[in-house]
Amino acid sequence: MIIQYLFVFACFLIDGVIETCFPINFAMNSVYFVSCFGVCALILTIRKMDFIDALLLSILSGMFYDFFFTNSFLVYAVIFVILCFIVKAWQKHVGESLLESIILAICSLFTMQLLTYGLMWFTGSTRVSFSSWIYYRMFLTLVVNVGFVIVLYFLTNVRDDYLRMRDVKIRKEEKLSTRRLSGR
């Protein structure tokens, strides 16, 4: 489980590097994208976890994102918890193929961006119209993050294969040590 947590937090750090290379345009006068590499990793990771572990990872990831990226307090922690509930509800109806993972991640990102806009509009932090928000921010964000989901799909499969092989190796060693102790 620690490897899964480290994987998600490493992806959030990669997010920081990507955002440094492609800064966000707060003036909203040109099309830009928001890197959601870490959020996509979170979505693809929590779909394979137990609910409590997924909820804990969502809260910790949200607090990490709030502290290091947005300088807010518990905004994204709450948004990530909502995403956790959505992913866990959709998980029962979605398989683990690449296309279904892309659809799940993009729908979750759309929901996250929609919640972000709604919160900013409700608090008066933005005066941008919803259509401008869709055009300038959300469209390119969703398109670029499809590529990130494809990369993360294969990275999570490599991570899961490594964890599975490690568990098999540990079980074999335990079986051998049990045989040695019993004298067989």
N, C-alpha and C. Protein backbone atom coordinates (compact mmCIF):
# COMPACT_ATOMS: atom_id res chain seq x y z
N MET A 1 0.82 -1.19 0.00
CA MET A 1 0.00 0.00 0.00
C MET A 1 0.87 1.26 0.00
N ILE A 2 2.01 1.19 0.63
CA ILE A 2 2.90 2.35 0.67
C ILE A 2 3.38 2.69 -0.73
N ILE A 3 3.63 1.68 -1.54
CA ILE A 3 4.08 1.93 -2.91
C ILE A 3 2.99 2.66 -3.69
N GLN A 4 1.74 2.33 -3.46
CA GLN A 4 0.65 3.02 -4.14
C GLN A 4 0.58 4.49 -3.72
N TYR A 5 0.75 4.75 -2.42
CA TYR A 5 0.75 6.13 -1.93
C TYR A 5 1.92 6.91 -2.53
N LEU A 6 3.10 6.30 -2.52
CA LEU A 6 4.28 6.98 -3.08
C LEU A 6 4.11 7.23 -4.58
N PHE A 7 3.50 6.28 -5.27
CA PHE A 7 3.25 6.44 -6.71
C PHE A 7 2.36 7.66 -6.97
N VAL A 8 1.28 7.79 -6.23
CA VAL A 8 0.35 8.91 -6.42
C VAL A 8 1.04 10.23 -6.08
N PHE A 9 1.78 10.27 -4.97
CA PHE A 9 2.44 11.52 -4.60
C PHE A 9 3.56 11.87 -5.58
N ALA A 10 4.24 10.87 -6.14
CA ALA A 10 5.25 11.13 -7.17
C ALA A 10 4.59 11.72 -8.41
N CYS A 11 3.40 11.24 -8.74
CA CYS A 11 2.68 11.79 -9.90
C CYS A 11 2.24 13.23 -9.63
N PHE A 12 1.89 13.55 -8.38
CA PHE A 12 1.58 14.94 -8.06
C PHE A 12 2.82 15.82 -8.19
N LEU A 13 3.98 15.29 -7.85
CA LEU A 13 5.22 16.06 -8.03
C LEU A 13 5.51 16.26 -9.52
N ILE A 14 5.24 15.25 -10.33
CA ILE A 14 5.38 15.41 -11.79
C ILE A 14 4.42 16.48 -12.28
N ASP A 15 3.24 16.53 -11.68
CA ASP A 15 2.28 17.60 -11.98
C ASP A 15 2.90 18.98 -11.77
N GLY A 16 3.62 19.11 -10.66
CA GLY A 16 4.27 20.38 -10.37
C GLY A 16 5.29 20.76 -11.43
N VAL A 17 6.04 19.78 -11.91
CA VAL A 17 7.03 20.05 -12.96
C VAL A 17 6.33 20.45 -14.25
N ILE A 18 5.25 19.76 -14.59
CA ILE A 18 4.51 20.08 -15.81
C ILE A 18 3.90 21.48 -15.71
N GLU A 19 3.35 21.82 -14.55
CA GLU A 19 2.76 23.15 -14.39
C GLU A 19 3.82 24.25 -14.42
N THR A 20 5.05 23.91 -14.04
CA THR A 20 6.14 24.89 -14.15
C THR A 20 6.48 25.13 -15.62
N CYS A 21 6.46 24.08 -16.41
CA CYS A 21 6.76 24.22 -17.85
C CYS A 21 5.62 24.87 -18.62
N PHE A 22 4.39 24.62 -18.20
CA PHE A 22 3.20 25.18 -18.86
C PHE A 22 2.36 25.90 -17.81
N PRO A 23 2.69 27.15 -17.50
CA PRO A 23 1.97 27.85 -16.43
C PRO A 23 0.50 28.10 -16.76
N ILE A 24 -0.28 28.25 -15.71
CA ILE A 24 -1.71 28.50 -15.85
C ILE A 24 -1.93 29.96 -16.21
N ASN A 25 -2.85 30.21 -17.12
CA ASN A 25 -3.19 31.55 -17.57
C ASN A 25 -4.40 32.03 -16.76
N PHE A 26 -4.16 32.81 -15.73
CA PHE A 26 -5.25 33.26 -14.88
C PHE A 26 -6.07 34.36 -15.53
N ALA A 27 -5.52 35.02 -16.56
CA ALA A 27 -6.25 36.07 -17.25
C ALA A 27 -7.34 35.50 -18.16
N MET A 28 -7.24 34.21 -18.47
CA MET A 28 -8.21 33.52 -19.33
C MET A 28 -8.37 34.21 -20.68
N ASN A 29 -7.25 34.67 -21.26
CA ASN A 29 -7.32 35.29 -22.57
C ASN A 29 -6.77 34.39 -23.67
N SER A 30 -6.36 33.19 -23.31
CA SER A 30 -5.93 32.20 -24.30
C SER A 30 -6.22 30.80 -23.75
N VAL A 31 -6.23 29.85 -24.66
CA VAL A 31 -6.52 28.47 -24.27
C VAL A 31 -5.30 27.89 -23.56
N TYR A 32 -5.52 27.18 -22.48
CA TYR A 32 -4.44 26.54 -21.73
C TYR A 32 -4.98 25.27 -21.09
N PHE A 33 -4.04 24.47 -20.57
CA PHE A 33 -4.48 23.25 -19.90
C PHE A 33 -3.90 23.20 -18.50
N VAL A 34 -4.61 22.49 -17.65
CA VAL A 34 -4.17 22.25 -16.29
C VAL A 34 -3.75 20.79 -16.22
N SER A 35 -2.52 20.55 -15.83
CA SER A 35 -2.03 19.19 -15.72
C SER A 35 -2.71 18.49 -14.55
N CYS A 36 -3.29 17.35 -14.82
CA CYS A 36 -3.95 16.56 -13.79
C CYS A 36 -3.34 15.16 -13.73
N PHE A 37 -2.03 15.09 -13.90
CA PHE A 37 -1.32 13.82 -13.88
C PHE A 37 -1.52 13.12 -12.54
N GLY A 38 -1.38 13.86 -11.45
CA GLY A 38 -1.56 13.29 -10.12
C GLY A 38 -2.99 12.88 -9.84
N VAL A 39 -3.94 13.68 -10.31
CA VAL A 39 -5.35 13.35 -10.10
C VAL A 39 -5.71 12.08 -10.89
N CYS A 40 -5.20 11.97 -12.11
CA CYS A 40 -5.44 10.76 -12.91
C CYS A 40 -4.84 9.54 -12.23
N ALA A 41 -3.63 9.70 -11.67
CA ALA A 41 -3.01 8.59 -10.93
C ALA A 41 -3.85 8.22 -9.71
N LEU A 42 -4.37 9.22 -9.04
CA LEU A 42 -5.23 8.98 -7.88
C LEU A 42 -6.48 8.20 -8.30
N ILE A 43 -7.10 8.61 -9.38
CA ILE A 43 -8.33 7.95 -9.85
C ILE A 43 -8.05 6.50 -10.24
N LEU A 44 -6.97 6.27 -10.98
CA LEU A 44 -6.66 4.91 -11.41
C LEU A 44 -6.18 4.03 -10.26
N THR A 45 -5.67 4.65 -9.20
CA THR A 45 -5.21 3.88 -8.04
C THR A 45 -6.36 3.55 -7.10
N ILE A 46 -7.23 4.51 -6.81
CA ILE A 46 -8.29 4.26 -5.83
C ILE A 46 -9.35 3.30 -6.35
N ARG A 47 -9.42 3.13 -7.66
CA ARG A 47 -10.43 2.20 -8.17
C ARG A 47 -10.10 0.76 -7.82
N LYS A 48 -8.83 0.47 -7.48
CA LYS A 48 -8.43 -0.89 -7.14
C LYS A 48 -8.23 -1.09 -5.64
N MET A 49 -8.53 -0.08 -4.85
CA MET A 49 -8.32 -0.16 -3.41
C MET A 49 -9.64 -0.40 -2.68
N ASP A 50 -9.53 -0.81 -1.42
CA ASP A 50 -10.70 -0.87 -0.56
C ASP A 50 -11.20 0.55 -0.33
N PHE A 51 -12.48 0.67 0.06
CA PHE A 51 -13.08 1.99 0.18
C PHE A 51 -12.38 2.85 1.23
N ILE A 52 -12.09 2.29 2.39
CA ILE A 52 -11.46 3.08 3.46
C ILE A 52 -10.06 3.53 3.04
N ASP A 53 -9.29 2.63 2.44
CA ASP A 53 -7.95 3.01 1.97
C ASP A 53 -8.04 4.07 0.87
N ALA A 54 -9.01 3.93 -0.02
CA ALA A 54 -9.19 4.91 -1.09
C ALA A 54 -9.59 6.26 -0.52
N LEU A 55 -10.44 6.25 0.49
CA LEU A 55 -10.86 7.50 1.13
C LEU A 55 -9.68 8.17 1.83
N LEU A 56 -8.87 7.39 2.52
CA LEU A 56 -7.69 7.94 3.19
C LEU A 56 -6.71 8.52 2.18
N LEU A 57 -6.46 7.80 1.10
CA LEU A 57 -5.56 8.31 0.07
C LEU A 57 -6.12 9.58 -0.57
N SER A 58 -7.42 9.65 -0.77
CA SER A 58 -8.04 10.84 -1.34
C SER A 58 -7.88 12.05 -0.42
N ILE A 59 -8.09 11.84 0.86
CA ILE A 59 -7.95 12.94 1.82
C ILE A 59 -6.50 13.41 1.88
N LEU A 60 -5.56 12.48 1.98
CA LEU A 60 -4.15 12.86 2.04
C LEU A 60 -3.69 13.54 0.75
N SER A 61 -4.15 13.03 -0.38
CA SER A 61 -3.78 13.65 -1.66
C SER A 61 -4.38 15.05 -1.78
N GLY A 62 -5.61 15.20 -1.34
CA GLY A 62 -6.25 16.51 -1.37
C GLY A 62 -5.54 17.51 -0.47
N MET A 63 -5.13 17.07 0.72
CA MET A 63 -4.40 17.97 1.62
C MET A 63 -3.04 18.32 1.02
N PHE A 64 -2.37 17.35 0.41
CA PHE A 64 -1.09 17.59 -0.25
C PHE A 64 -1.26 18.60 -1.38
N TYR A 65 -2.30 18.41 -2.19
CA TYR A 65 -2.57 19.30 -3.32
C TYR A 65 -2.93 20.70 -2.82
N ASP A 66 -3.75 20.77 -1.78
CA ASP A 66 -4.10 22.07 -1.20
C ASP A 66 -2.88 22.81 -0.69
N PHE A 67 -2.03 22.12 0.02
CA PHE A 67 -0.89 22.76 0.66
C PHE A 67 0.17 23.18 -0.34
N PHE A 68 0.51 22.31 -1.29
CA PHE A 68 1.63 22.58 -2.17
C PHE A 68 1.25 23.26 -3.49
N PHE A 69 0.02 23.14 -3.94
CA PHE A 69 -0.33 23.67 -5.25
C PHE A 69 -1.29 24.84 -5.21
N THR A 70 -2.28 24.82 -4.33
CA THR A 70 -3.31 25.86 -4.38
C THR A 70 -3.30 26.80 -3.18
N ASN A 71 -2.54 26.48 -2.16
CA ASN A 71 -2.47 27.30 -0.95
C ASN A 71 -3.86 27.59 -0.38
N SER A 72 -4.70 26.58 -0.39
CA SER A 72 -6.03 26.70 0.19
C SER A 72 -6.15 25.68 1.32
N PHE A 73 -7.27 25.71 2.00
CA PHE A 73 -7.44 24.80 3.13
C PHE A 73 -8.61 23.87 2.87
N LEU A 74 -8.32 22.62 2.66
CA LEU A 74 -9.27 21.52 2.53
C LEU A 74 -10.24 21.63 1.35
N VAL A 75 -9.99 22.52 0.41
CA VAL A 75 -10.87 22.62 -0.75
C VAL A 75 -10.74 21.37 -1.61
N TYR A 76 -9.53 21.07 -2.03
CA TYR A 76 -9.32 19.90 -2.88
C TYR A 76 -9.40 18.60 -2.09
N ALA A 77 -9.19 18.65 -0.79
CA ALA A 77 -9.40 17.45 0.02
C ALA A 77 -10.87 17.02 -0.07
N VAL A 78 -11.77 17.98 0.01
CA VAL A 78 -13.20 17.68 -0.11
C VAL A 78 -13.54 17.25 -1.54
N ILE A 79 -12.97 17.94 -2.53
CA ILE A 79 -13.23 17.59 -3.93
C ILE A 79 -12.72 16.18 -4.23
N PHE A 80 -11.54 15.82 -3.72
CA PHE A 80 -11.00 14.49 -3.96
C PHE A 80 -11.81 13.41 -3.25
N VAL A 81 -12.38 13.73 -2.10
CA VAL A 81 -13.26 12.77 -1.41
C VAL A 81 -14.53 12.56 -2.24
N ILE A 82 -15.07 13.63 -2.80
CA ILE A 82 -16.24 13.49 -3.68
C ILE A 82 -15.88 12.64 -4.89
N LEU A 83 -14.69 12.88 -5.46
CA LEU A 83 -14.23 12.05 -6.58
C LEU A 83 -14.08 10.59 -6.18
N CYS A 84 -13.63 10.35 -4.96
CA CYS A 84 -13.49 8.97 -4.47
C CYS A 84 -14.85 8.29 -4.43
N PHE A 85 -15.87 8.98 -3.93
CA PHE A 85 -17.21 8.41 -3.90
C PHE A 85 -17.71 8.13 -5.32
N ILE A 86 -17.46 9.05 -6.24
CA ILE A 86 -17.90 8.87 -7.63
C ILE A 86 -17.19 7.70 -8.28
N VAL A 87 -15.87 7.63 -8.10
CA VAL A 87 -15.10 6.53 -8.71
C VAL A 87 -15.54 5.19 -8.14
N LYS A 88 -15.73 5.13 -6.84
CA LYS A 88 -16.16 3.87 -6.23
C LYS A 88 -17.57 3.47 -6.69
N ALA A 89 -18.44 4.45 -6.93
CA ALA A 89 -19.78 4.14 -7.44
C ALA A 89 -19.71 3.66 -8.89
N TRP A 90 -18.87 4.29 -9.70
CA TRP A 90 -18.75 3.91 -11.11
C TRP A 90 -17.94 2.64 -11.29
N GLN A 91 -17.07 2.33 -10.35
CA GLN A 91 -16.17 1.18 -10.46
C GLN A 91 -16.94 -0.12 -10.66
N LYS A 92 -18.10 -0.21 -10.07
CA LYS A 92 -18.90 -1.43 -10.16
C LYS A 92 -19.41 -1.67 -11.58
N HIS A 93 -19.49 -0.61 -12.37
CA HIS A 93 -20.06 -0.70 -13.71
C HIS A 93 -19.03 -0.58 -14.82
N VAL A 94 -17.77 -0.38 -14.45
CA VAL A 94 -16.72 -0.14 -15.44
C VAL A 94 -15.65 -1.21 -15.28
N GLY A 95 -15.18 -1.74 -16.40
CA GLY A 95 -14.10 -2.73 -16.37
C GLY A 95 -12.74 -2.06 -16.25
N GLU A 96 -11.70 -2.83 -16.52
CA GLU A 96 -10.35 -2.31 -16.37
C GLU A 96 -9.63 -2.15 -17.70
N SER A 97 -10.36 -2.03 -18.80
CA SER A 97 -9.71 -1.84 -20.09
C SER A 97 -9.21 -0.41 -20.22
N LEU A 98 -8.39 -0.18 -21.21
CA LEU A 98 -7.82 1.16 -21.43
C LEU A 98 -8.92 2.17 -21.73
N LEU A 99 -9.83 1.84 -22.60
CA LEU A 99 -10.90 2.77 -22.97
C LEU A 99 -11.77 3.12 -21.78
N GLU A 100 -12.13 2.12 -20.99
CA GLU A 100 -12.96 2.38 -19.81
C GLU A 100 -12.21 3.19 -18.76
N SER A 101 -10.91 2.98 -18.65
CA SER A 101 -10.11 3.78 -17.73
C SER A 101 -10.04 5.23 -18.18
N ILE A 102 -9.90 5.44 -19.49
CA ILE A 102 -9.89 6.81 -20.02
C ILE A 102 -11.22 7.50 -19.75
N ILE A 103 -12.31 6.80 -20.02
CA ILE A 103 -13.63 7.39 -19.80
C ILE A 103 -13.84 7.71 -18.32
N LEU A 104 -13.47 6.80 -17.44
CA LEU A 104 -13.61 7.03 -16.00
C LEU A 104 -12.79 8.23 -15.55
N ALA A 105 -11.54 8.29 -15.99
CA ALA A 105 -10.66 9.39 -15.58
C ALA A 105 -11.14 10.73 -16.13
N ILE A 106 -11.54 10.76 -17.39
CA ILE A 106 -11.97 12.02 -18.00
C ILE A 106 -13.28 12.50 -17.39
N CYS A 107 -14.21 11.60 -17.12
CA CYS A 107 -15.45 11.99 -16.44
C CYS A 107 -15.16 12.50 -15.03
N SER A 108 -14.23 11.88 -14.35
CA SER A 108 -13.85 12.34 -13.01
C SER A 108 -13.17 13.70 -13.07
N LEU A 109 -12.31 13.90 -14.06
CA LEU A 109 -11.66 15.21 -14.22
C LEU A 109 -12.68 16.29 -14.57
N PHE A 110 -13.64 15.95 -15.42
CA PHE A 110 -14.70 16.90 -15.75
C PHE A 110 -15.47 17.29 -14.49
N THR A 111 -15.79 16.30 -13.68
CA THR A 111 -16.49 16.56 -12.42
C THR A 111 -15.65 17.43 -11.50
N MET A 112 -14.35 17.14 -11.41
CA MET A 112 -13.46 17.93 -10.56
C MET A 112 -13.39 19.38 -11.05
N GLN A 113 -13.25 19.57 -12.36
CA GLN A 113 -13.19 20.93 -12.90
C GLN A 113 -14.52 21.66 -12.71
N LEU A 114 -15.62 20.93 -12.84
CA LEU A 114 -16.94 21.51 -12.64
C LEU A 114 -17.13 21.93 -11.18
N LEU A 115 -16.71 21.08 -10.25
CA LEU A 115 -16.78 21.44 -8.83
C LEU A 115 -15.89 22.63 -8.51
N THR A 116 -14.72 22.68 -9.13
CA THR A 116 -13.81 23.81 -8.92
C THR A 116 -14.44 25.10 -9.41
N TYR A 117 -15.01 25.07 -10.62
CA TYR A 117 -15.66 26.27 -11.15
C TYR A 117 -16.85 26.67 -10.28
N GLY A 118 -17.67 25.70 -9.90
CA GLY A 118 -18.82 26.00 -9.06
C GLY A 118 -18.41 26.63 -7.74
N LEU A 119 -17.37 26.12 -7.13
CA LEU A 119 -16.89 26.68 -5.87
C LEU A 119 -16.34 28.09 -6.07
N MET A 120 -15.58 28.28 -7.14
CA MET A 120 -15.03 29.62 -7.42
C MET A 120 -16.14 30.62 -7.74
N TRP A 121 -17.15 30.18 -8.46
CA TRP A 121 -18.26 31.07 -8.80
C TRP A 121 -19.07 31.40 -7.55
N PHE A 122 -19.30 30.38 -6.70
CA PHE A 122 -20.08 30.58 -5.48
C PHE A 122 -19.39 31.54 -4.51
N THR A 123 -18.06 31.42 -4.40
CA THR A 123 -17.33 32.29 -3.48
C THR A 123 -16.98 33.64 -4.09
N GLY A 124 -17.27 33.83 -5.37
CA GLY A 124 -16.98 35.10 -6.02
C GLY A 124 -15.53 35.25 -6.45
N SER A 125 -14.80 34.15 -6.50
CA SER A 125 -13.39 34.21 -6.90
C SER A 125 -13.22 34.37 -8.39
N THR A 126 -14.26 34.10 -9.17
CA THR A 126 -14.18 34.24 -10.62
C THR A 126 -15.43 34.91 -11.15
N ARG A 127 -15.22 35.67 -12.20
CA ARG A 127 -16.34 36.29 -12.90
C ARG A 127 -16.41 35.79 -14.34
N VAL A 128 -15.65 34.76 -14.63
CA VAL A 128 -15.61 34.18 -15.96
C VAL A 128 -16.89 33.40 -16.20
N SER A 129 -17.46 33.55 -17.39
CA SER A 129 -18.68 32.80 -17.71
C SER A 129 -18.35 31.32 -17.85
N PHE A 130 -19.38 30.50 -17.69
CA PHE A 130 -19.18 29.06 -17.77
C PHE A 130 -18.70 28.64 -19.16
N SER A 131 -19.24 29.27 -20.20
CA SER A 131 -18.80 28.92 -21.56
C SER A 131 -17.34 29.29 -21.79
N SER A 132 -16.89 30.41 -21.24
CA SER A 132 -15.47 30.78 -21.34
C SER A 132 -14.61 29.80 -20.56
N TRP A 133 -15.09 29.37 -19.42
CA TRP A 133 -14.36 28.40 -18.61
C TRP A 133 -14.18 27.09 -19.38
N ILE A 134 -15.26 26.65 -20.02
CA ILE A 134 -15.20 25.43 -20.83
C ILE A 134 -14.21 25.60 -21.97
N TYR A 135 -14.30 26.73 -22.67
CA TYR A 135 -13.46 26.94 -23.86
C TYR A 135 -11.99 27.14 -23.50
N TYR A 136 -11.71 28.01 -22.55
CA TYR A 136 -10.33 28.36 -22.25
C TYR A 136 -9.61 27.35 -21.36
N ARG A 137 -10.33 26.72 -20.47
CA ARG A 137 -9.66 25.86 -19.49
C ARG A 137 -9.99 24.38 -19.64
N MET A 138 -11.26 24.06 -19.64
CA MET A 138 -11.64 22.66 -19.50
C MET A 138 -11.37 21.83 -20.76
N PHE A 139 -11.63 22.36 -21.94
CA PHE A 139 -11.50 21.57 -23.16
C PHE A 139 -10.08 21.04 -23.34
N LEU A 140 -9.10 21.91 -23.35
CA LEU A 140 -7.72 21.47 -23.56
C LEU A 140 -7.22 20.64 -22.38
N THR A 141 -7.70 20.95 -21.18
CA THR A 141 -7.32 20.16 -20.01
C THR A 141 -7.74 18.71 -20.19
N LEU A 142 -8.96 18.48 -20.62
CA LEU A 142 -9.45 17.11 -20.81
C LEU A 142 -8.72 16.41 -21.95
N VAL A 143 -8.47 17.13 -23.03
CA VAL A 143 -7.80 16.51 -24.19
C VAL A 143 -6.37 16.10 -23.85
N VAL A 144 -5.61 16.98 -23.22
CA VAL A 144 -4.21 16.67 -22.88
C VAL A 144 -4.14 15.56 -21.85
N ASN A 145 -5.06 15.56 -20.91
CA ASN A 145 -5.02 14.55 -19.86
C ASN A 145 -5.42 13.16 -20.35
N VAL A 146 -6.02 13.05 -21.53
CA VAL A 146 -6.25 11.72 -22.12
C VAL A 146 -4.90 11.04 -22.35
N GLY A 147 -3.94 11.81 -22.86
CA GLY A 147 -2.59 11.25 -23.04
C GLY A 147 -1.97 10.83 -21.72
N PHE A 148 -2.17 11.64 -20.69
CA PHE A 148 -1.65 11.29 -19.37
C PHE A 148 -2.28 10.01 -18.85
N VAL A 149 -3.59 9.84 -19.08
CA VAL A 149 -4.28 8.64 -18.61
C VAL A 149 -3.73 7.40 -19.31
N ILE A 150 -3.43 7.52 -20.60
CA ILE A 150 -2.87 6.38 -21.34
C ILE A 150 -1.52 5.99 -20.74
N VAL A 151 -0.66 6.97 -20.48
CA VAL A 151 0.64 6.69 -19.86
C VAL A 151 0.45 6.09 -18.48
N LEU A 152 -0.44 6.67 -17.69
CA LEU A 152 -0.66 6.18 -16.33
C LEU A 152 -1.30 4.80 -16.31
N TYR A 153 -2.12 4.49 -17.29
CA TYR A 153 -2.73 3.16 -17.36
C TYR A 153 -1.63 2.10 -17.42
N PHE A 154 -0.65 2.33 -18.28
CA PHE A 154 0.43 1.36 -18.40
C PHE A 154 1.36 1.39 -17.19
N LEU A 155 1.60 2.56 -16.61
CA LEU A 155 2.42 2.65 -15.40
C LEU A 155 1.76 1.95 -14.22
N THR A 156 0.45 2.10 -14.08
CA THR A 156 -0.23 1.42 -12.97
C THR A 156 -0.24 -0.09 -13.17
N ASN A 157 -0.33 -0.53 -14.42
CA ASN A 157 -0.24 -1.98 -14.68
C ASN A 157 1.14 -2.51 -14.33
N VAL A 158 2.20 -1.76 -14.66
CA VAL A 158 3.56 -2.17 -14.29
C VAL A 158 3.70 -2.21 -12.77
N ARG A 159 3.17 -1.18 -12.10
CA ARG A 159 3.23 -1.14 -10.63
C ARG A 159 2.48 -2.32 -10.02
N ASP A 160 1.29 -2.60 -10.52
CA ASP A 160 0.50 -3.72 -9.99
C ASP A 160 1.17 -5.06 -10.25
N ASP A 161 1.78 -5.23 -11.42
CA ASP A 161 2.51 -6.47 -11.72
C ASP A 161 3.70 -6.63 -10.78
N TYR A 162 4.41 -5.54 -10.50
CA TYR A 162 5.53 -5.59 -9.56
C TYR A 162 5.05 -6.00 -8.17
N LEU A 163 3.96 -5.39 -7.72
CA LEU A 163 3.43 -5.72 -6.39
C LEU A 163 2.97 -7.18 -6.33
N ARG A 164 2.36 -7.66 -7.39
CA ARG A 164 1.90 -9.04 -7.44
C ARG A 164 3.09 -10.00 -7.40
N MET A 165 4.13 -9.72 -8.18
CA MET A 165 5.32 -10.58 -8.19
C MET A 165 6.02 -10.56 -6.84
N ARG A 166 6.05 -9.41 -6.20
CA ARG A 166 6.68 -9.30 -4.88
C ARG A 166 5.91 -10.13 -3.86
N ASP A 167 4.58 -10.09 -3.92
CA ASP A 167 3.77 -10.89 -3.00
C ASP A 167 3.96 -12.39 -3.22
N VAL A 168 4.07 -12.80 -4.49
CA VAL A 168 4.31 -14.22 -4.79
C VAL A 168 5.66 -14.65 -4.24
N LYS A 169 6.67 -13.82 -4.38
CA LYS A 169 8.01 -14.13 -3.87
C LYS A 169 7.99 -14.25 -2.35
N ILE A 170 7.30 -13.35 -1.69
CA ILE A 170 7.20 -13.39 -0.23
C ILE A 170 6.48 -14.66 0.22
N ARG A 171 5.42 -15.03 -0.47
CA ARG A 171 4.68 -16.25 -0.11
C ARG A 171 5.53 -17.49 -0.31
N LYS A 172 6.32 -17.52 -1.37
CA LYS A 172 7.21 -18.67 -1.60
C LYS A 172 8.23 -18.78 -0.48
N GLU A 173 8.81 -17.64 -0.09
CA GLU A 173 9.79 -17.66 1.00
C GLU A 173 9.15 -18.09 2.30
N GLU A 174 7.92 -17.66 2.55
CA GLU A 174 7.23 -18.07 3.77
C GLU A 174 6.94 -19.57 3.74
N LYS A 175 6.57 -20.08 2.58
CA LYS A 175 6.29 -21.50 2.44
C LYS A 175 7.55 -22.32 2.67
N LEU A 176 8.69 -21.85 2.13
CA LEU A 176 9.95 -22.55 2.34
C LEU A 176 10.37 -22.53 3.80
N SER A 177 10.21 -21.39 4.45
CA SER A 177 10.60 -21.32 5.86
C SER A 177 9.69 -22.17 6.73
N THR A 178 8.43 -22.30 6.37
CA THR A 178 7.50 -23.15 7.10
C THR A 178 7.88 -24.61 6.93
N ARG A 179 8.29 -25.00 5.73
CA ARG A 179 8.71 -26.39 5.49
C ARG A 179 9.98 -26.70 6.27
N ARG A 180 10.89 -25.76 6.33
CA ARG A 180 12.14 -25.98 7.07
C ARG A 180 11.86 -26.16 8.56
N LEU A 181 10.93 -25.37 9.08
CA LEU A 181 10.60 -25.47 10.50
C LEU A 181 9.89 -26.78 10.83
N SER A 182 9.07 -27.26 9.92
CA SER A 182 8.33 -28.49 10.19
C SER A 182 9.16 -29.74 9.90
N GLY A 183 10.33 -29.59 9.28
CA GLY A 183 11.22 -30.71 9.04
C GLY A 183 10.91 -31.49 7.79
N ARG A 184 10.18 -30.99 6.90
CA ARG A 184 9.84 -31.71 5.66
C ARG A 184 10.82 -31.43 4.59
